[in-house]
Amino acid sequence: MPERTIDFGKYRARGIKGHEAVARQLDSYLHYITTPVTSPRGLLARLHYLTRTDHARQAARDAGLTVTDDTVNAWLQGKRRPLKKNLAAIEDTYRTVRRHNVARYLLSRLNREGRGTRVEIHPLDQSLVNRPLQRVVEFRHLNIRHWDRIIEAWAAGNDRALDDAWIEKIVDLGSQWGQYEYVTNVGFAA
């Protein structure tokens, strides 16, 4: 069984880690608020998202928004404007809470009651590698039935755990799984 790649790109192959491609694909399902937090509309949209219920307020506190309720209310009413560091904290908190909220939905969609989701793995780009050093690597697909560890690591923003969870799944490709540690793209639909 192959070990993990230590010296990727030595012969000019190009690609990204498989777990990063998975994270990109999962991020594409988030649909963040597109208006920047620096605009009044973007700020209000994020604050409403983070304060619409007691549960949302608690999630915002857990994610790192440590200002008082009076301060948040002043921002919502337009009486005060947040400082730059608070704008950054609002954006980070919004993205964290949004990711956790969407994770529950994605988990049920990807697991599909045990049927799983078909994943397409596009191999790394070897167009710059000298011909005798190129590997025979082809497009592959597999069906992942249990996404729990992948989604949990993605929602927490834990790259190491996401990498471990992804490697655990691609081992199902057989003895060639090491060829798919780096890829050009990973695609699936949720």
C-alpha atoms as a PDB file:
ATOM      1  CA  MET A   1       0.000   0.000   0.000  1.00  0.00           C
ATOM      2  CA  PRO A   2       1.463   3.388  -0.943  1.00  0.00           C
ATOM      3  CA  GLU A   3       2.399   5.949   1.650  1.00  0.00           C
ATOM      4  CA  ARG A   4       1.484   9.612   1.449  1.00  0.00           C
ATOM      5  CA  THR A   5       3.353  11.759  -1.062  1.00  0.00           C
ATOM      6  CA  ILE A   6       6.253  13.601   0.533  1.00  0.00           C
ATOM      7  CA  ASP A   7       7.847  15.477  -2.371  1.00  0.00           C
ATOM      8  CA  PHE A   8       4.898  16.424  -4.597  1.00  0.00           C
ATOM      9  CA  GLY A   9       5.773  18.533  -7.626  1.00  0.00           C
ATOM     10  CA  LYS A  10       9.384  17.383  -7.858  1.00  0.00           C
ATOM     11  CA  TYR A  11       8.888  16.475 -11.521  1.00  0.00           C
ATOM     12  CA  ARG A  12       6.537  19.440 -12.186  1.00  0.00           C
ATOM     13  CA  ALA A  13       3.235  17.668 -11.703  1.00  0.00           C
ATOM     14  CA  ARG A  14       0.434  20.044 -10.712  1.00  0.00           C
ATOM     15  CA  GLY A  15      -2.573  19.559  -8.502  1.00  0.00           C
ATOM     16  CA  ILE A  16      -4.022  20.149  -5.072  1.00  0.00           C
ATOM     17  CA  LYS A  17      -4.575  17.862  -2.109  1.00  0.00           C
ATOM     18  CA  GLY A  18      -7.773  15.865  -2.490  1.00  0.00           C
ATOM     19  CA  HIS A  19      -9.216  17.118   0.784  1.00  0.00           C
ATOM     20  CA  GLU A  20      -8.746  20.722  -0.380  1.00  0.00           C
ATOM     21  CA  ALA A  21     -10.711  19.936  -3.543  1.00  0.00           C
ATOM     22  CA  VAL A  22     -13.456  18.372  -1.406  1.00  0.00           C
ATOM     23  CA  ALA A  23     -13.515  21.467   0.837  1.00  0.00           C
ATOM     24  CA  ARG A  24     -13.821  23.722  -2.226  1.00  0.00           C
ATOM     25  CA  GLN A  25     -16.737  21.676  -3.506  1.00  0.00           C
ATOM     26  CA  LEU A  26     -18.479  21.763  -0.119  1.00  0.00           C
ATOM     27  CA  ASP A  27     -17.832  25.518   0.141  1.00  0.00           C
ATOM     28  CA  SER A  28     -19.566  26.016  -3.202  1.00  0.00           C
ATOM     29  CA  TYR A  29     -22.826  24.838  -1.585  1.00  0.00           C
ATOM     30  CA  LEU A  30     -22.719  27.464   1.171  1.00  0.00           C
ATOM     31  CA  HIS A  31     -23.987  30.481  -0.772  1.00  0.00           C
ATOM     32  CA  TYR A  32     -22.619  33.149   1.520  1.00  0.00           C
ATOM     33  CA  ILE A  33     -24.070  36.662   1.516  1.00  0.00           C
ATOM     34  CA  THR A  34     -22.296  38.345  -1.389  1.00  0.00           C
ATOM     35  CA  THR A  35     -22.629  41.954  -0.249  1.00  0.00           C
ATOM     36  CA  PRO A  36     -19.422  42.877   1.621  1.00  0.00           C
ATOM     37  CA  VAL A  37     -19.589  43.268   5.389  1.00  0.00           C
ATOM     38  CA  THR A  38     -18.220  46.805   5.017  1.00  0.00           C
ATOM     39  CA  SER A  39     -21.447  47.994   3.353  1.00  0.00           C
ATOM     40  CA  PRO A  40     -24.460  48.759   5.544  1.00  0.00           C
ATOM     41  CA  ARG A  41     -26.593  46.196   3.708  1.00  0.00           C
ATOM     42  CA  GLY A  42     -23.984  43.434   4.097  1.00  0.00           C
ATOM     43  CA  LEU A  43     -23.473  44.226   7.766  1.00  0.00           C
ATOM     44  CA  LEU A  44     -27.209  44.171   8.498  1.00  0.00           C
ATOM     45  CA  ALA A  45     -27.693  40.911   6.599  1.00  0.00           C
ATOM     46  CA  ARG A  46     -24.956  39.194   8.626  1.00  0.00           C
ATOM     47  CA  LEU A  47     -26.163  40.633  11.929  1.00  0.00           C
ATOM     48  CA  HIS A  48     -29.735  39.516  11.218  1.00  0.00           C
ATOM     49  CA  TYR A  49     -28.448  36.034  10.373  1.00  0.00           C
ATOM     50  CA  LEU A  50     -26.477  35.892  13.627  1.00  0.00           C
ATOM     51  CA  THR A  51     -29.179  37.351  15.886  1.00  0.00           C
ATOM     52  CA  ARG A  52     -32.553  36.233  14.532  1.00  0.00           C
ATOM     53  CA  THR A  53     -33.071  33.609  17.270  1.00  0.00           C
ATOM     54  CA  ASP A  54     -31.641  32.805  20.682  1.00  0.00           C
ATOM     55  CA  HIS A  55     -30.023  29.713  19.153  1.00  0.00           C
ATOM     56  CA  ALA A  56     -28.343  31.862  16.473  1.00  0.00           C
ATOM     57  CA  ARG A  57     -27.095  34.317  19.101  1.00  0.00           C
ATOM     58  CA  GLN A  58     -25.617  31.468  21.156  1.00  0.00           C
ATOM     59  CA  ALA A  59     -23.963  29.990  18.054  1.00  0.00           C
ATOM     60  CA  ALA A  60     -22.475  33.412  17.279  1.00  0.00           C
ATOM     61  CA  ARG A  61     -21.089  33.660  20.819  1.00  0.00           C
ATOM     62  CA  ASP A  62     -19.676  30.144  20.592  1.00  0.00           C
ATOM     63  CA  ALA A  63     -18.045  31.038  17.268  1.00  0.00           C
ATOM     64  CA  GLY A  64     -16.283  34.068  18.728  1.00  0.00           C
ATOM     65  CA  LEU A  65     -18.556  37.136  18.553  1.00  0.00           C
ATOM     66  CA  THR A  66     -17.987  38.490  22.060  1.00  0.00           C
ATOM     67  CA  VAL A  67     -19.702  41.898  21.957  1.00  0.00           C
ATOM     68  CA  THR A  68     -22.664  42.697  24.197  1.00  0.00           C
ATOM     69  CA  ASP A  69     -26.288  42.551  23.080  1.00  0.00           C
ATOM     70  CA  ASP A  70     -26.541  46.333  23.506  1.00  0.00           C
ATOM     71  CA  THR A  71     -23.671  46.832  21.069  1.00  0.00           C
ATOM     72  CA  VAL A  72     -25.257  44.486  18.525  1.00  0.00           C
ATOM     73  CA  ASN A  73     -28.593  46.295  18.881  1.00  0.00           C
ATOM     74  CA  ALA A  74     -26.864  49.663  18.332  1.00  0.00           C
ATOM     75  CA  TRP A  75     -25.298  48.262  15.151  1.00  0.00           C
ATOM     76  CA  LEU A  76     -28.656  46.911  13.981  1.00  0.00           C
ATOM     77  CA  GLN A  77     -30.377  50.273  14.577  1.00  0.00           C
ATOM     78  CA  GLY A  78     -27.568  52.154  12.845  1.00  0.00           C
ATOM     79  CA  LYS A  79     -26.648  54.169  15.946  1.00  0.00           C
ATOM     80  CA  ARG A  80     -23.050  52.924  15.887  1.00  0.00           C
ATOM     81  CA  ARG A  81     -20.703  51.455  13.319  1.00  0.00           C
ATOM     82  CA  PRO A  82     -18.427  48.491  14.179  1.00  0.00           C
ATOM     83  CA  LEU A  83     -14.672  48.929  14.221  1.00  0.00           C
ATOM     84  CA  LYS A  84     -12.576  47.137  11.578  1.00  0.00           C
ATOM     85  CA  LYS A  85     -11.634  44.343  13.984  1.00  0.00           C
ATOM     86  CA  ASN A  86     -15.328  43.868  14.843  1.00  0.00           C
ATOM     87  CA  LEU A  87     -16.244  43.774  11.140  1.00  0.00           C
ATOM     88  CA  ALA A  88     -13.661  41.022  10.669  1.00  0.00           C
ATOM     89  CA  ALA A  89     -15.052  39.189  13.720  1.00  0.00           C
ATOM     90  CA  ILE A  90     -18.605  39.485  12.360  1.00  0.00           C
ATOM     91  CA  GLU A  91     -17.497  38.077   8.982  1.00  0.00           C
ATOM     92  CA  ASP A  92     -15.571  35.188  10.564  1.00  0.00           C
ATOM     93  CA  THR A  93     -18.430  34.388  12.925  1.00  0.00           C
ATOM     94  CA  TYR A  94     -20.977  34.535  10.121  1.00  0.00           C
ATOM     95  CA  ARG A  95     -18.957  32.129   7.964  1.00  0.00           C
ATOM     96  CA  THR A  96     -18.418  29.723  10.885  1.00  0.00           C
ATOM     97  CA  VAL A  97     -22.092  29.686  11.877  1.00  0.00           C
ATOM     98  CA  ARG A  98     -23.229  29.391   8.253  1.00  0.00           C
ATOM     99  CA  ARG A  99     -20.876  26.460   7.693  1.00  0.00           C
ATOM    100  CA  HIS A 100     -22.219  24.651  10.783  1.00  0.00           C
ATOM    101  CA  ASN A 101     -25.827  25.290   9.765  1.00  0.00           C
ATOM    102  CA  VAL A 102     -25.309  24.037   6.220  1.00  0.00           C
ATOM    103  CA  ALA A 103     -23.285  21.012   7.405  1.00  0.00           C
ATOM    104  CA  ARG A 104     -26.391  19.296   8.812  1.00  0.00           C
ATOM    105  CA  TYR A 105     -28.188  19.683   5.497  1.00  0.00           C
ATOM    106  CA  LEU A 106     -25.199  18.539   3.437  1.00  0.00           C
ATOM    107  CA  LEU A 107     -24.678  15.476   5.607  1.00  0.00           C
ATOM    108  CA  SER A 108     -28.205  14.223   5.018  1.00  0.00           C
ATOM    109  CA  ARG A 109     -27.999  15.011   1.285  1.00  0.00           C
ATOM    110  CA  LEU A 110     -24.637  13.299   0.773  1.00  0.00           C
ATOM    111  CA  ASN A 111     -25.377  10.211   2.879  1.00  0.00           C
ATOM    112  CA  ARG A 112     -28.755   9.802   1.132  1.00  0.00           C
ATOM    113  CA  GLU A 113     -30.046   7.373   3.768  1.00  0.00           C
ATOM    114  CA  GLY A 114     -27.055   5.061   3.332  1.00  0.00           C
ATOM    115  CA  ARG A 115     -26.981   5.097  -0.473  1.00  0.00           C
ATOM    116  CA  GLY A 116     -24.150   7.632  -0.545  1.00  0.00           C
ATOM    117  CA  THR A 117     -22.993   9.965  -3.287  1.00  0.00           C
ATOM    118  CA  ARG A 118     -20.895   9.276  -6.362  1.00  0.00           C
ATOM    119  CA  VAL A 119     -17.615  11.203  -6.329  1.00  0.00           C
ATOM    120  CA  GLU A 120     -15.597  11.892  -9.473  1.00  0.00           C
ATOM    121  CA  ILE A 121     -11.848  12.225  -8.998  1.00  0.00           C
ATOM    122  CA  HIS A 122      -9.906  13.994 -11.719  1.00  0.00           C
ATOM    123  CA  PRO A 123      -6.215  13.040 -11.568  1.00  0.00           C
ATOM    124  CA  LEU A 124      -3.299  15.411 -11.180  1.00  0.00           C
ATOM    125  CA  ASP A 125      -1.996  17.326 -14.193  1.00  0.00           C
ATOM    126  CA  GLN A 126       1.180  15.753 -15.603  1.00  0.00           C
ATOM    127  CA  SER A 127       1.410  17.809 -18.787  1.00  0.00           C
ATOM    128  CA  LEU A 128       4.746  19.359 -17.672  1.00  0.00           C
ATOM    129  CA  VAL A 129       6.271  16.072 -16.475  1.00  0.00           C
ATOM    130  CA  ASN A 130       8.824  14.466 -18.818  1.00  0.00           C
ATOM    131  CA  ARG A 131       7.256  11.539 -20.666  1.00  0.00           C
ATOM    132  CA  PRO A 132       9.344   8.714 -19.087  1.00  0.00           C
ATOM    133  CA  LEU A 133       8.484   9.979 -15.578  1.00  0.00           C
ATOM    134  CA  GLN A 134       4.717  10.202 -16.109  1.00  0.00           C
ATOM    135  CA  ARG A 135       2.403   7.790 -14.300  1.00  0.00           C
ATOM    136  CA  VAL A 136      -0.628   6.247 -15.880  1.00  0.00           C
ATOM    137  CA  VAL A 137      -3.343   7.984 -13.894  1.00  0.00           C
ATOM    138  CA  GLU A 138      -6.923   8.040 -15.040  1.00  0.00           C
ATOM    139  CA  PHE A 139     -10.241   9.554 -14.106  1.00  0.00           C
ATOM    140  CA  ARG A 140     -11.823   7.549 -11.267  1.00  0.00           C
ATOM    141  CA  HIS A 141     -15.054   7.537  -9.362  1.00  0.00           C
ATOM    142  CA  LEU A 142     -16.249   5.971  -6.153  1.00  0.00           C
ATOM    143  CA  ASN A 143     -19.384   5.989  -4.063  1.00  0.00           C
ATOM    144  CA  ILE A 144     -18.960   7.393  -0.557  1.00  0.00           C
ATOM    145  CA  ARG A 145     -21.747   6.191   1.718  1.00  0.00           C
ATOM    146  CA  HIS A 146     -20.700   7.760   5.028  1.00  0.00           C
ATOM    147  CA  TRP A 147     -19.734  11.436   4.918  1.00  0.00           C
ATOM    148  CA  ASP A 148     -19.896  12.036   8.678  1.00  0.00           C
ATOM    149  CA  ARG A 149     -16.154  12.477   9.371  1.00  0.00           C
ATOM    150  CA  ILE A 150     -15.600  14.519   6.202  1.00  0.00           C
ATOM    151  CA  ILE A 151     -18.453  16.935   6.932  1.00  0.00           C
ATOM    152  CA  GLU A 152     -17.553  17.178  10.623  1.00  0.00           C
ATOM    153  CA  ALA A 153     -13.932  18.087   9.823  1.00  0.00           C
ATOM    154  CA  TRP A 154     -14.998  20.537   7.100  1.00  0.00           C
ATOM    155  CA  ALA A 155     -17.521  22.273   9.367  1.00  0.00           C
ATOM    156  CA  ALA A 156     -14.885  22.611  12.095  1.00  0.00           C
ATOM    157  CA  GLY A 157     -12.328  23.938   9.597  1.00  0.00           C
ATOM    158  CA  ASN A 158      -9.873  21.216  10.645  1.00  0.00           C
ATOM    159  CA  ASP A 159      -7.667  20.526   7.597  1.00  0.00           C
ATOM    160  CA  ARG A 160      -5.731  17.683   9.211  1.00  0.00           C
ATOM    161  CA  ALA A 161      -8.898  15.800  10.189  1.00  0.00           C
ATOM    162  CA  LEU A 162     -10.389  16.466   6.745  1.00  0.00           C
ATOM    163  CA  ASP A 163      -7.251  15.092   5.087  1.00  0.00           C
ATOM    164  CA  ASP A 164      -7.369  11.969   7.265  1.00  0.00           C
ATOM    165  CA  ALA A 165     -11.088  11.471   6.583  1.00  0.00           C
ATOM    166  CA  TRP A 166     -10.564  11.898   2.825  1.00  0.00           C
ATOM    167  CA  ILE A 167      -7.620   9.467   2.729  1.00  0.00           C
ATOM    168  CA  GLU A 168      -9.740   6.956   4.658  1.00  0.00           C
ATOM    169  CA  LYS A 169     -12.307   7.107   1.821  1.00  0.00           C
ATOM    170  CA  ILE A 170      -9.950   6.989  -1.167  1.00  0.00           C
ATOM    171  CA  VAL A 171      -8.231   3.893   0.196  1.00  0.00           C
ATOM    172  CA  ASP A 172     -11.310   2.175  -1.272  1.00  0.00           C
ATOM    173  CA  LEU A 173      -9.758   2.788  -4.709  1.00  0.00           C
ATOM    174  CA  GLY A 174      -7.427  -0.102  -3.984  1.00  0.00           C
ATOM    175  CA  SER A 175      -3.659  -0.228  -4.214  1.00  0.00           C
ATOM    176  CA  GLN A 176      -3.591   2.856  -6.472  1.00  0.00           C
ATOM    177  CA  TRP A 177      -5.138   5.219  -3.920  1.00  0.00           C
ATOM    178  CA  GLY A 178      -1.849   7.095  -3.446  1.00  0.00           C
ATOM    179  CA  GLN A 179      -2.045   8.322  -7.042  1.00  0.00           C
ATOM    180  CA  TYR A 180      -5.173  10.281  -6.086  1.00  0.00           C
ATOM    181  CA  GLU A 181      -3.857  12.052  -3.002  1.00  0.00           C
ATOM    182  CA  TYR A 182      -3.243  15.046  -5.295  1.00  0.00           C
ATOM    183  CA  VAL A 183      -5.884  15.840  -7.906  1.00  0.00           C
ATOM    184  CA  THR A 184      -6.987  18.581 -10.270  1.00  0.00           C
ATOM    185  CA  ASN A 185     -10.622  18.374  -9.144  1.00  0.00           C
ATOM    186  CA  VAL A 186     -13.086  16.368  -7.073  1.00  0.00           C
ATOM    187  CA  GLY A 187     -16.714  16.610  -8.092  1.00  0.00           C
ATOM    188  CA  PHE A 188     -19.982  15.502  -6.530  1.00  0.00           C
ATOM    189  CA  ALA A 189     -23.523  16.811  -6.276  1.00  0.00           C
ATOM    190  CA  ALA A 190     -25.448  17.446  -3.089  1.00  0.00           C
END
